[in-house]
């Protein structure tokens, strides 16, 4: 019969993990960007197995996204350069096993800042 056995007196190592071993976190969800004065608060939910988050931004004058910060919480405050009229954001979750896919992009119009 094709089973395995352990001899009496042998030591057996058992590994217990908090989540699926070897998997990157799920993508963040409910991404929201809110303009306030000279900054933007970017918030999100989910990604319970993430150990940190990378935040990317594209201003209205930029062609590509650039990483603007890395945080361990689900809130990022972005201090914007003067003269920008809109900004796009996305957030990637990461852990020891890799990064999530981006959850989508959220846009904030900066002309509405108070």
PDB file of N, CA and C in Angstrom:
ATOM      1  N   UNK A   1       0.866  -1.169   0.000  1.00  0.00           N
ATOM      2  CA  UNK A   1       0.000   0.000   0.000  1.00  0.00           C
ATOM      3  C   UNK A   1       0.898   1.213   0.000  1.00  0.00           C
ATOM      4  N   UNK A   2       0.771   2.223  -0.718  1.00  0.00           N
ATOM      5  CA  UNK A   2       1.713   3.313  -0.924  1.00  0.00           C
ATOM      6  C   UNK A   2       1.664   4.410   0.115  1.00  0.00           C
ATOM      7  N   UNK A   3       1.636   4.134   1.392  1.00  0.00           N
ATOM      8  CA  UNK A   3       1.618   5.170   2.416  1.00  0.00           C
ATOM      9  C   UNK A   3       3.017   5.431   2.941  1.00  0.00           C
ATOM     10  N   UNK A   4       3.130   6.379   3.822  1.00  0.00           N
ATOM     11  CA  UNK A   4       4.404   6.631   4.467  1.00  0.00           C
ATOM     12  C   UNK A   4       4.216   6.482   5.962  1.00  0.00           C
ATOM     13  N   UNK A   5       5.290   6.135   6.633  1.00  0.00           N
ATOM     14  CA  UNK A   5       5.185   5.954   8.071  1.00  0.00           C
ATOM     15  C   UNK A   5       6.348   6.651   8.765  1.00  0.00           C
ATOM     16  N   UNK A   6       6.201   6.846  10.044  1.00  0.00           N
ATOM     17  CA  UNK A   6       7.227   7.473  10.857  1.00  0.00           C
ATOM     18  C   UNK A   6       7.636   6.466  11.918  1.00  0.00           C
ATOM     19  N   UNK A   7       8.907   6.246  12.027  1.00  0.00           N
ATOM     20  CA  UNK A   7       9.416   5.282  13.003  1.00  0.00           C
ATOM     21  C   UNK A   7       9.219   5.821  14.414  1.00  0.00           C
ATOM     22  N   UNK A   8       8.927   4.956  15.347  1.00  0.00           N
ATOM     23  CA  UNK A   8       8.784   5.395  16.736  1.00  0.00           C
ATOM     24  C   UNK A   8      10.051   6.132  17.184  1.00  0.00           C
ATOM     25  N   UNK A   9       9.854   7.255  17.892  1.00  0.00           N
ATOM     26  CA  UNK A   9      10.977   8.044  18.383  1.00  0.00           C
ATOM     27  C   UNK A   9      11.504   9.069  17.398  1.00  0.00           C
ATOM     28  N   UNK A  10      10.969   9.089  16.175  1.00  0.00           N
ATOM     29  CA  UNK A  10      11.403  10.055  15.168  1.00  0.00           C
ATOM     30  C   UNK A  10      10.782  11.418  15.434  1.00  0.00           C
ATOM     31  N   UNK A  11      11.425  12.462  14.918  1.00  0.00           N
ATOM     32  CA  UNK A  11      10.908  13.821  15.016  1.00  0.00           C
ATOM     33  C   UNK A  11      10.244  14.194  13.706  1.00  0.00           C
ATOM     34  N   UNK A  12       9.079  14.826  13.794  1.00  0.00           N
ATOM     35  CA  UNK A  12       8.354  15.264  12.608  1.00  0.00           C
ATOM     36  C   UNK A  12       8.130  16.767  12.731  1.00  0.00           C
ATOM     37  N   UNK A  13       8.511  17.532  11.682  1.00  0.00           N
ATOM     38  CA  UNK A  13       8.281  18.970  11.663  1.00  0.00           C
ATOM     39  C   UNK A  13       6.954  19.249  10.990  1.00  0.00           C
ATOM     40  N   UNK A  14       6.125  20.067  11.646  1.00  0.00           N
ATOM     41  CA  UNK A  14       4.841  20.473  11.084  1.00  0.00           C
ATOM     42  C   UNK A  14       4.857  21.988  10.958  1.00  0.00           C
ATOM     43  N   UNK A  15       4.558  22.488   9.773  1.00  0.00           N
ATOM     44  CA  UNK A  15       4.544  23.923   9.520  1.00  0.00           C
ATOM     45  C   UNK A  15       3.098  24.389   9.444  1.00  0.00           C
ATOM     46  N   UNK A  16       2.776  25.426  10.229  1.00  0.00           N
ATOM     47  CA  UNK A  16       1.436  26.005  10.235  1.00  0.00           C
ATOM     48  C   UNK A  16       1.560  27.440   9.760  1.00  0.00           C
ATOM     49  N   UNK A  17       0.716  27.854   8.807  1.00  0.00           N
ATOM     50  CA  UNK A  17       0.766  29.233   8.309  1.00  0.00           C
ATOM     51  C   UNK A  17      -0.575  29.910   8.512  1.00  0.00           C
ATOM     52  N   UNK A  18      -0.546  31.254   8.446  1.00  0.00           N
ATOM     53  CA  UNK A  18      -1.763  32.037   8.617  1.00  0.00           C
ATOM     54  C   UNK A  18      -2.612  32.107   7.358  1.00  0.00           C
ATOM     55  N   UNK A  19      -2.082  31.738   6.241  1.00  0.00           N
ATOM     56  CA  UNK A  19      -2.817  31.839   4.980  1.00  0.00           C
ATOM     57  C   UNK A  19      -2.256  30.861   3.980  1.00  0.00           C
ATOM     58  N   UNK A  20      -2.719  30.935   2.749  1.00  0.00           N
ATOM     59  CA  UNK A  20      -2.214  30.037   1.729  1.00  0.00           C
ATOM     60  C   UNK A  20      -0.715  30.263   1.515  1.00  0.00           C
ATOM     61  N   UNK A  21       0.055  29.217   1.682  1.00  0.00           N
ATOM     62  CA  UNK A  21       1.506  29.333   1.545  1.00  0.00           C
ATOM     63  C   UNK A  21       1.886  29.585   0.095  1.00  0.00           C
ATOM     64  N   UNK A  22       2.800  30.506  -0.088  1.00  0.00           N
ATOM     65  CA  UNK A  22       3.351  30.744  -1.406  1.00  0.00           C
ATOM     66  C   UNK A  22       2.523  31.592  -2.342  1.00  0.00           C
ATOM     67  N   UNK A  23       1.480  32.227  -1.865  1.00  0.00           N
ATOM     68  CA  UNK A  23       0.628  33.018  -2.753  1.00  0.00           C
ATOM     69  C   UNK A  23       0.757  34.512  -2.474  1.00  0.00           C
ATOM     70  N   UNK A  24       0.842  35.318  -3.523  1.00  0.00           N
ATOM     71  CA  UNK A  24       0.800  36.769  -3.306  1.00  0.00           C
ATOM     72  C   UNK A  24      -0.591  37.178  -2.821  1.00  0.00           C
ATOM     73  N   UNK A  25      -0.720  38.363  -2.237  1.00  0.00           N
ATOM     74  CA  UNK A  25      -2.026  38.791  -1.719  1.00  0.00           C
ATOM     75  C   UNK A  25      -3.014  39.104  -2.836  1.00  0.00           C
ATOM     76  N   UNK A  26      -4.284  39.113  -2.467  1.00  0.00           N
ATOM     77  CA  UNK A  26      -5.322  39.559  -3.394  1.00  0.00           C
ATOM     78  C   UNK A  26      -5.152  41.048  -3.648  1.00  0.00           C
ATOM     79  N   UNK A  27      -5.675  41.512  -4.761  1.00  0.00           N
ATOM     80  CA  UNK A  27      -5.618  42.943  -5.084  1.00  0.00           C
ATOM     81  C   UNK A  27      -6.485  43.730  -4.111  1.00  0.00           C
ATOM     82  N   UNK A  28      -6.055  44.936  -3.746  1.00  0.00           N
ATOM     83  CA  UNK A  28      -6.895  45.795  -2.906  1.00  0.00           C
ATOM     84  C   UNK A  28      -8.216  46.103  -3.624  1.00  0.00           C
ATOM     85  N   UNK A  29      -9.253  46.382  -2.843  1.00  0.00           N
ATOM     86  CA  UNK A  29     -10.526  46.766  -3.452  1.00  0.00           C
ATOM     87  C   UNK A  29     -11.057  48.039  -2.802  1.00  0.00           C
ATOM     88  N   UNK A  30     -12.145  48.561  -3.345  1.00  0.00           N
ATOM     89  CA  UNK A  30     -12.767  49.803  -2.866  1.00  0.00           C
ATOM     90  C   UNK A  30     -11.772  50.961  -2.808  1.00  0.00           C
ATOM     91  N   UNK A  31     -10.965  51.089  -3.853  1.00  0.00           N
ATOM     92  CA  UNK A  31      -9.986  52.175  -3.933  1.00  0.00           C
ATOM     93  C   UNK A  31     -10.700  53.513  -4.050  1.00  0.00           C
ATOM     94  N   UNK A  32     -10.292  54.487  -3.227  1.00  0.00           N
ATOM     95  CA  UNK A  32     -10.919  55.801  -3.193  1.00  0.00           C
ATOM     96  C   UNK A  32      -9.845  56.865  -3.051  1.00  0.00           C
ATOM     97  N   UNK A  33      -9.951  57.944  -3.817  1.00  0.00           N
ATOM     98  CA  UNK A  33      -9.041  59.090  -3.701  1.00  0.00           C
ATOM     99  C   UNK A  33      -9.878  60.330  -3.457  1.00  0.00           C
ATOM    100  N   UNK A  34      -9.531  61.087  -2.419  1.00  0.00           N
ATOM    101  CA  UNK A  34     -10.292  62.276  -2.051  1.00  0.00           C
ATOM    102  C   UNK A  34      -9.335  63.456  -1.895  1.00  0.00           C
ATOM    103  N   UNK A  35      -9.590  64.528  -2.661  1.00  0.00           N
ATOM    104  CA  UNK A  35      -8.752  65.725  -2.614  1.00  0.00           C
ATOM    105  C   UNK A  35      -9.124  66.575  -1.407  1.00  0.00           C
ATOM    106  N   UNK A  36      -8.087  67.035  -0.687  1.00  0.00           N
ATOM    107  CA  UNK A  36      -8.271  67.928   0.469  1.00  0.00           C
ATOM    108  C   UNK A  36      -7.104  68.903   0.487  1.00  0.00           C
ATOM    109  N   UNK A  37      -7.403  70.158   0.382  1.00  0.00           N
ATOM    110  CA  UNK A  37      -6.392  71.219   0.374  1.00  0.00           C
ATOM    111  C   UNK A  37      -5.304  70.913  -0.646  1.00  0.00           C
ATOM    112  N   UNK A  38      -4.076  70.730  -0.204  1.00  0.00           N
ATOM    113  CA  UNK A  38      -2.971  70.500  -1.152  1.00  0.00           C
ATOM    114  C   UNK A  38      -2.561  69.041  -1.216  1.00  0.00           C
ATOM    115  N   UNK A  39      -3.406  68.146  -0.701  1.00  0.00           N
ATOM    116  CA  UNK A  39      -3.050  66.734  -0.762  1.00  0.00           C
ATOM    117  C   UNK A  39      -4.260  65.880  -1.143  1.00  0.00           C
ATOM    118  N   UNK A  40      -3.984  64.608  -1.377  1.00  0.00           N
ATOM    119  CA  UNK A  40      -5.030  63.641  -1.713  1.00  0.00           C
ATOM    120  C   UNK A  40      -4.904  62.461  -0.756  1.00  0.00           C
ATOM    121  N   UNK A  41      -6.019  62.073  -0.138  1.00  0.00           N
ATOM    122  CA  UNK A  41      -6.053  60.878   0.697  1.00  0.00           C
ATOM    123  C   UNK A  41      -6.495  59.710  -0.176  1.00  0.00           C
ATOM    124  N   UNK A  42      -5.662  58.704  -0.266  1.00  0.00           N
ATOM    125  CA  UNK A  42      -5.966  57.496  -1.028  1.00  0.00           C
ATOM    126  C   UNK A  42      -6.196  56.378  -0.016  1.00  0.00           C
ATOM    127  N   UNK A  43      -7.359  55.722  -0.095  1.00  0.00           N
ATOM    128  CA  UNK A  43      -7.689  54.636   0.826  1.00  0.00           C
ATOM    129  C   UNK A  43      -8.166  53.416   0.048  1.00  0.00           C
ATOM    130  N   UNK A  44      -8.106  52.258   0.685  1.00  0.00           N
ATOM    131  CA  UNK A  44      -8.541  51.007   0.056  1.00  0.00           C
ATOM    132  C   UNK A  44      -8.827  49.997   1.154  1.00  0.00           C
ATOM    133  N   UNK A  45      -9.366  48.845   0.748  1.00  0.00           N
ATOM    134  CA  UNK A  45      -9.697  47.760   1.669  1.00  0.00           C
ATOM    135  C   UNK A  45      -9.152  46.449   1.120  1.00  0.00           C
ATOM    136  N   UNK A  46      -9.335  45.394   1.904  1.00  0.00           N
ATOM    137  CA  UNK A  46      -8.969  44.053   1.457  1.00  0.00           C
ATOM    138  C   UNK A  46      -7.500  43.743   1.603  1.00  0.00           C
ATOM    139  N   UNK A  47      -7.065  42.694   0.914  1.00  0.00           N
ATOM    140  CA  UNK A  47      -5.675  42.245   0.907  1.00  0.00           C
ATOM    141  C   UNK A  47      -5.197  41.881   2.307  1.00  0.00           C
ATOM    142  N   UNK A  48      -5.918  40.998   2.968  1.00  0.00           N
ATOM    143  CA  UNK A  48      -5.605  40.645   4.354  1.00  0.00           C
ATOM    144  C   UNK A  48      -4.243  39.987   4.529  1.00  0.00           C
ATOM    145  N   UNK A  49      -3.697  39.361   3.498  1.00  0.00           N
ATOM    146  CA  UNK A  49      -2.388  38.711   3.622  1.00  0.00           C
ATOM    147  C   UNK A  49      -1.243  39.613   3.173  1.00  0.00           C
ATOM    148  N   UNK A  50      -1.532  40.867   2.854  1.00  0.00           N
ATOM    149  CA  UNK A  50      -0.487  41.807   2.436  1.00  0.00           C
ATOM    150  C   UNK A  50       0.310  42.287   3.643  1.00  0.00           C
ATOM    151  N   UNK A  51       1.606  42.516   3.426  1.00  0.00           N
ATOM    152  CA  UNK A  51       2.456  43.088   4.469  1.00  0.00           C
ATOM    153  C   UNK A  51       2.773  44.549   4.180  1.00  0.00           C
ATOM    154  N   UNK A  52       2.587  44.977   2.933  1.00  0.00           N
ATOM    155  CA  UNK A  52       2.766  46.385   2.575  1.00  0.00           C
ATOM    156  C   UNK A  52       2.038  46.669   1.267  1.00  0.00           C
ATOM    157  N   UNK A  53       1.930  47.962   0.964  1.00  0.00           N
ATOM    158  CA  UNK A  53       1.227  48.407  -0.238  1.00  0.00           C
ATOM    159  C   UNK A  53       2.075  49.450  -0.951  1.00  0.00           C
ATOM    160  N   UNK A  54       2.137  49.376  -2.269  1.00  0.00           N
ATOM    161  CA  UNK A  54       2.834  50.362  -3.088  1.00  0.00           C
ATOM    162  C   UNK A  54       1.783  51.197  -3.816  1.00  0.00           C
ATOM    163  N   UNK A  55       1.936  52.509  -3.733  1.00  0.00           N
ATOM    164  CA  UNK A  55       0.974  53.433  -4.325  1.00  0.00           C
ATOM    165  C   UNK A  55       1.608  54.092  -5.546  1.00  0.00           C
ATOM    166  N   UNK A  56       0.871  54.100  -6.644  1.00  0.00           N
ATOM    167  CA  UNK A  56       1.348  54.668  -7.908  1.00  0.00           C
ATOM    168  C   UNK A  56       0.427  55.808  -8.329  1.00  0.00           C
ATOM    169  N   UNK A  57       1.021  56.850  -8.948  1.00  0.00           N
ATOM    170  CA  UNK A  57       0.255  58.031  -9.360  1.00  0.00           C
ATOM    171  C   UNK A  57       0.682  58.458 -10.760  1.00  0.00           C
ATOM    172  N   UNK A  58      -0.306  58.978 -11.489  1.00  0.00           N
ATOM    173  CA  UNK A  58      -0.054  59.631 -12.779  1.00  0.00           C
ATOM    174  C   UNK A  58      -0.780  60.962 -12.740  1.00  0.00           C
ATOM    175  N   UNK A  59      -0.023  62.055 -12.877  1.00  0.00           N
ATOM    176  CA  UNK A  59      -0.639  63.380 -12.949  1.00  0.00           C
ATOM    177  C   UNK A  59      -1.140  63.618 -14.361  1.00  0.00           C
ATOM    178  N   UNK A  60      -1.982  64.640 -14.520  1.00  0.00           N
ATOM    179  CA  UNK A  60      -2.568  64.921 -15.827  1.00  0.00           C
ATOM    180  C   UNK A  60      -1.517  65.206 -16.894  1.00  0.00           C
ATOM    181  N   UNK A  61      -0.335  65.622 -16.490  1.00  0.00           N
ATOM    182  CA  UNK A  61       0.720  65.941 -17.470  1.00  0.00           C
ATOM    183  C   UNK A  61       1.668  64.773 -17.713  1.00  0.00           C
ATOM    184  N   UNK A  62       1.535  63.680 -16.950  1.00  0.00           N
ATOM    185  CA  UNK A  62       2.437  62.530 -17.078  1.00  0.00           C
ATOM    186  C   UNK A  62       1.856  61.476 -18.008  1.00  0.00           C
ATOM    187  N   UNK A  63       2.728  60.794 -18.713  1.00  0.00           N
ATOM    188  CA  UNK A  63       2.282  59.705 -19.575  1.00  0.00           C
ATOM    189  C   UNK A  63       2.222  58.384 -18.819  1.00  0.00           C
ATOM    190  N   UNK A  64       3.110  58.217 -17.855  1.00  0.00           N
ATOM    191  CA  UNK A  64       3.219  56.948 -17.143  1.00  0.00           C
ATOM    192  C   UNK A  64       2.975  57.127 -15.650  1.00  0.00           C
ATOM    193  N   UNK A  65       2.646  56.021 -14.991  1.00  0.00           N
ATOM    194  CA  UNK A  65       2.514  56.013 -13.545  1.00  0.00           C
ATOM    195  C   UNK A  65       3.896  55.936 -12.910  1.00  0.00           C
ATOM    196  N   UNK A  66       4.033  56.576 -11.744  1.00  0.00           N
ATOM    197  CA  UNK A  66       5.253  56.512 -10.949  1.00  0.00           C
ATOM    198  C   UNK A  66       4.879  56.100  -9.533  1.00  0.00           C
ATOM    199  N   UNK A  67       5.754  55.325  -8.899  1.00  0.00           N
ATOM    200  CA  UNK A  67       5.513  54.964  -7.512  1.00  0.00           C
ATOM    201  C   UNK A  67       5.739  56.198  -6.640  1.00  0.00           C
ATOM    202  N   UNK A  68       4.757  56.517  -5.794  1.00  0.00           N
ATOM    203  CA  UNK A  68       4.864  57.697  -4.938  1.00  0.00           C
ATOM    204  C   UNK A  68       4.952  57.335  -3.460  1.00  0.00           C
ATOM    205  N   UNK A  69       4.814  56.067  -3.120  1.00  0.00           N
ATOM    206  CA  UNK A  69       4.956  55.696  -1.726  1.00  0.00           C
ATOM    207  C   UNK A  69       4.719  54.233  -1.462  1.00  0.00           C
ATOM    208  N   UNK A  70       5.193  53.807  -0.287  1.00  0.00           N
ATOM    209  CA  UNK A  70       4.964  52.451   0.199  1.00  0.00           C
ATOM    210  C   UNK A  70       4.548  52.552   1.660  1.00  0.00           C
ATOM    211  N   UNK A  71       3.444  51.905   2.011  1.00  0.00           N
ATOM    212  CA  UNK A  71       2.905  51.977   3.368  1.00  0.00           C
ATOM    213  C   UNK A  71       2.497  50.585   3.842  1.00  0.00           C
ATOM    214  N   UNK A  72       2.316  50.452   5.168  1.00  0.00           N
ATOM    215  CA  UNK A  72       1.818  49.196   5.721  1.00  0.00           C
ATOM    216  C   UNK A  72       0.342  49.307   6.095  1.00  0.00           C
ATOM    217  N   UNK A  73      -0.187  50.529   6.144  1.00  0.00           N
ATOM    218  CA  UNK A  73      -1.605  50.731   6.432  1.00  0.00           C
ATOM    219  C   UNK A  73      -2.378  50.818   5.120  1.00  0.00           C
ATOM    220  N   UNK A  74      -3.676  50.993   5.204  1.00  0.00           N
ATOM    221  CA  UNK A  74      -4.512  51.096   4.005  1.00  0.00           C
ATOM    222  C   UNK A  74      -4.893  52.546   3.713  1.00  0.00           C
ATOM    223  N   UNK A  75      -4.000  53.457   4.064  1.00  0.00           N
ATOM    224  CA  UNK A  75      -4.190  54.887   3.821  1.00  0.00           C
ATOM    225  C   UNK A  75      -2.864  55.469   3.360  1.00  0.00           C
ATOM    226  N   UNK A  76      -2.936  56.308   2.308  1.00  0.00           N
ATOM    227  CA  UNK A  76      -1.752  57.019   1.834  1.00  0.00           C
ATOM    228  C   UNK A  76      -2.150  58.463   1.580  1.00  0.00           C
ATOM    229  N   UNK A  77      -1.361  59.408   2.102  1.00  0.00           N
ATOM    230  CA  UNK A  77      -1.606  60.827   1.876  1.00  0.00           C
ATOM    231  C   UNK A  77      -0.538  61.324   0.908  1.00  0.00           C
ATOM    232  N   UNK A  78      -0.996  61.830  -0.225  1.00  0.00           N
ATOM    233  CA  UNK A  78      -0.100  62.285  -1.284  1.00  0.00           C
ATOM    234  C   UNK A  78      -0.063  63.807  -1.318  1.00  0.00           C
ATOM    235  N   UNK A  79       1.117  64.367  -1.157  1.00  0.00           N
ATOM    236  CA  UNK A  79       1.331  65.807  -1.238  1.00  0.00           C
ATOM    237  C   UNK A  79       1.601  66.147  -2.702  1.00  0.00           C
ATOM    238  N   UNK A  80       0.665  66.821  -3.332  1.00  0.00           N
ATOM    239  CA  UNK A  80       0.730  67.041  -4.772  1.00  0.00           C
ATOM    240  C   UNK A  80       1.516  68.279  -5.160  1.00  0.00           C
ATOM    241  N   UNK A  81       2.149  68.241  -6.326  1.00  0.00           N
ATOM    242  CA  UNK A  81       2.819  69.445  -6.827  1.00  0.00           C
ATOM    243  C   UNK A  81       1.791  70.483  -7.268  1.00  0.00           C
ATOM    244  N   UNK A  82       2.164  71.745  -7.165  1.00  0.00           N
ATOM    245  CA  UNK A  82       1.272  72.829  -7.578  1.00  0.00           C
ATOM    246  C   UNK A  82       0.999  72.744  -9.078  1.00  0.00           C
ATOM    247  N   UNK A  83      -0.194  73.111  -9.472  1.00  0.00           N
ATOM    248  CA  UNK A  83      -0.533  73.189 -10.879  1.00  0.00           C
ATOM    249  C   UNK A  83      -1.172  71.952 -11.476  1.00  0.00           C
ATOM    250  N   UNK A  84      -1.190  70.841 -10.761  1.00  0.00           N
ATOM    251  CA  UNK A  84      -1.823  69.630 -11.303  1.00  0.00           C
ATOM    252  C   UNK A  84      -3.339  69.791 -11.242  1.00  0.00           C
ATOM    253  N   UNK A  85      -4.041  69.328 -12.273  1.00  0.00           N
ATOM    254  CA  UNK A  85      -5.496  69.460 -12.272  1.00  0.00           C
ATOM    255  C   UNK A  85      -6.210  68.127 -12.053  1.00  0.00           C
ATOM    256  N   UNK A  86      -5.516  67.003 -12.243  1.00  0.00           N
ATOM    257  CA  UNK A  86      -6.102  65.700 -11.932  1.00  0.00           C
ATOM    258  C   UNK A  86      -4.976  64.706 -11.675  1.00  0.00           C
ATOM    259  N   UNK A  87      -5.333  63.628 -10.989  1.00  0.00           N
ATOM    260  CA  UNK A  87      -4.358  62.574 -10.706  1.00  0.00           C
ATOM    261  C   UNK A  87      -5.064  61.235 -10.736  1.00  0.00           C
ATOM    262  N   UNK A  88      -4.383  60.235 -11.266  1.00  0.00           N
ATOM    263  CA  UNK A  88      -4.864  58.856 -11.283  1.00  0.00           C
ATOM    264  C   UNK A  88      -4.009  58.056 -10.309  1.00  0.00           C
ATOM    265  N   UNK A  89      -4.634  57.122  -9.593  1.00  0.00           N
ATOM    266  CA  UNK A  89      -3.920  56.292  -8.623  1.00  0.00           C
ATOM    267  C   UNK A  89      -4.274  54.831  -8.810  1.00  0.00           C
ATOM    268  N   UNK A  90      -3.318  53.963  -8.468  1.00  0.00           N
ATOM    269  CA  UNK A  90      -3.610  52.556  -8.233  1.00  0.00           C
ATOM    270  C   UNK A  90      -2.691  52.051  -7.136  1.00  0.00           C
ATOM    271  N   UNK A  91      -3.088  50.954  -6.489  1.00  0.00           N
ATOM    272  CA  UNK A  91      -2.353  50.408  -5.352  1.00  0.00           C
ATOM    273  C   UNK A  91      -2.117  48.923  -5.593  1.00  0.00           C
ATOM    274  N   UNK A  92      -0.906  48.487  -5.282  1.00  0.00           N
ATOM    275  CA  UNK A  92      -0.540  47.077  -5.398  1.00  0.00           C
ATOM    276  C   UNK A  92      -0.210  46.557  -4.001  1.00  0.00           C
ATOM    277  N   UNK A  93      -0.801  45.436  -3.622  1.00  0.00           N
ATOM    278  CA  UNK A  93      -0.492  44.795  -2.344  1.00  0.00           C
ATOM    279  C   UNK A  93       0.682  43.845  -2.545  1.00  0.00           C
ATOM    280  N   UNK A  94       1.501  43.665  -1.493  1.00  0.00           N
ATOM    281  CA  UNK A  94       2.606  42.718  -1.614  1.00  0.00           C
ATOM    282  C   UNK A  94       2.866  42.002  -0.300  1.00  0.00           C
ATOM    283  N   UNK A  95       3.466  40.838  -0.429  1.00  0.00           N
ATOM    284  CA  UNK A  95       3.944  40.082   0.726  1.00  0.00           C
ATOM    285  C   UNK A  95       5.205  39.335   0.289  1.00  0.00           C
ATOM    286  N   UNK A  96       5.684  38.425   1.101  1.00  0.00           N
ATOM    287  CA  UNK A  96       6.935  37.716   0.804  1.00  0.00           C
ATOM    288  C   UNK A  96       6.844  36.879  -0.470  1.00  0.00           C
ATOM    289  N   UNK A  97       5.635  36.596  -0.949  1.00  0.00           N
ATOM    290  CA  UNK A  97       5.458  35.736  -2.108  1.00  0.00           C
ATOM    291  C   UNK A  97       5.197  36.493  -3.406  1.00  0.00           C
ATOM    292  N   UNK A  98       5.135  37.836  -3.344  1.00  0.00           N
ATOM    293  CA  UNK A  98       4.963  38.616  -4.569  1.00  0.00           C
ATOM    294  C   UNK A  98       3.962  39.733  -4.421  1.00  0.00           C
ATOM    295  N   UNK A  99       3.557  40.273  -5.565  1.00  0.00           N
ATOM    296  CA  UNK A  99       2.631  41.402  -5.620  1.00  0.00           C
ATOM    297  C   UNK A  99       1.305  40.981  -6.231  1.00  0.00           C
ATOM    298  N   UNK A 100       0.256  41.688  -5.818  1.00  0.00           N
ATOM    299  CA  UNK A 100      -1.066  41.480  -6.415  1.00  0.00           C
ATOM    300  C   UNK A 100      -1.115  42.172  -7.766  1.00  0.00           C
ATOM    301  N   UNK A 101      -2.134  41.857  -8.502  1.00  0.00           N
ATOM    302  CA  UNK A 101      -2.419  42.624  -9.717  1.00  0.00           C
ATOM    303  C   UNK A 101      -3.002  43.964  -9.284  1.00  0.00           C
ATOM    304  N   UNK A 102      -2.826  45.023 -10.078  1.00  0.00           N
ATOM    305  CA  UNK A 102      -3.458  46.296  -9.725  1.00  0.00           C
ATOM    306  C   UNK A 102      -4.978  46.146  -9.732  1.00  0.00           C
ATOM    307  N   UNK A 103      -5.684  46.807  -8.802  1.00  0.00           N
ATOM    308  CA  UNK A 103      -7.125  46.647  -8.704  1.00  0.00           C
ATOM    309  C   UNK A 103      -7.920  47.514  -9.664  1.00  0.00           C
ATOM    310  N   UNK A 104      -7.256  48.359 -10.406  1.00  0.00           N
ATOM    311  CA  UNK A 104      -7.943  49.334 -11.236  1.00  0.00           C
ATOM    312  C   UNK A 104      -7.474  50.716 -10.836  1.00  0.00           C
ATOM    313  N   UNK A 105      -7.866  51.694 -11.583  1.00  0.00           N
ATOM    314  CA  UNK A 105      -7.390  53.060 -11.394  1.00  0.00           C
ATOM    315  C   UNK A 105      -8.531  53.932 -10.899  1.00  0.00           C
ATOM    316  N   UNK A 106      -8.217  54.839  -9.964  1.00  0.00           N
ATOM    317  CA  UNK A 106      -9.186  55.822  -9.502  1.00  0.00           C
ATOM    318  C   UNK A 106      -8.632  57.206  -9.855  1.00  0.00           C
ATOM    319  N   UNK A 107      -9.508  58.098 -10.289  1.00  0.00           N
ATOM    320  CA  UNK A 107      -9.118  59.452 -10.693  1.00  0.00           C
ATOM    321  C   UNK A 107      -9.727  60.471  -9.746  1.00  0.00           C
ATOM    322  N   UNK A 108      -8.953  61.498  -9.409  1.00  0.00           N
ATOM    323  CA  UNK A 108      -9.470  62.589  -8.588  1.00  0.00           C
ATOM    324  C   UNK A 108      -9.213  63.897  -9.327  1.00  0.00           C
ATOM    325  N   UNK A 109     -10.251  64.736  -9.377  1.00  0.00           N
ATOM    326  CA  UNK A 109     -10.116  66.058  -9.992  1.00  0.00           C
ATOM    327  C   UNK A 109      -9.632  67.015  -8.922  1.00  0.00           C
ATOM    328  N   UNK A 110      -8.515  67.647  -9.156  1.00  0.00           N
ATOM    329  CA  UNK A 110      -7.895  68.483  -8.137  1.00  0.00           C
ATOM    330  C   UNK A 110      -8.469  69.889  -8.082  1.00  0.00           C
ATOM    331  N   UNK A 111      -9.216  70.288  -9.076  1.00  0.00           N
ATOM    332  CA  UNK A 111      -9.835  71.608  -9.075  1.00  0.00           C
ATOM    333  C   UNK A 111     -10.876  71.727  -7.970  1.00  0.00           C
ATOM    334  N   UNK A 112     -11.355  70.597  -7.445  1.00  0.00           N
ATOM    335  CA  UNK A 112     -12.383  70.610  -6.416  1.00  0.00           C
ATOM    336  C   UNK A 112     -11.806  70.635  -5.012  1.00  0.00           C
ATOM    337  N   UNK A 113     -10.505  70.771  -4.883  1.00  0.00           N
ATOM    338  CA  UNK A 113      -9.883  70.790  -3.556  1.00  0.00           C
ATOM    339  C   UNK A 113     -10.394  71.954  -2.726  1.00  0.00           C
ATOM    340  N   UNK A 114     -10.577  71.689  -1.441  1.00  0.00           N
ATOM    341  CA  UNK A 114     -11.003  72.745  -0.515  1.00  0.00           C
ATOM    342  C   UNK A 114      -9.974  72.940   0.563  1.00  0.00           C
TER     343      UNK A 114
END
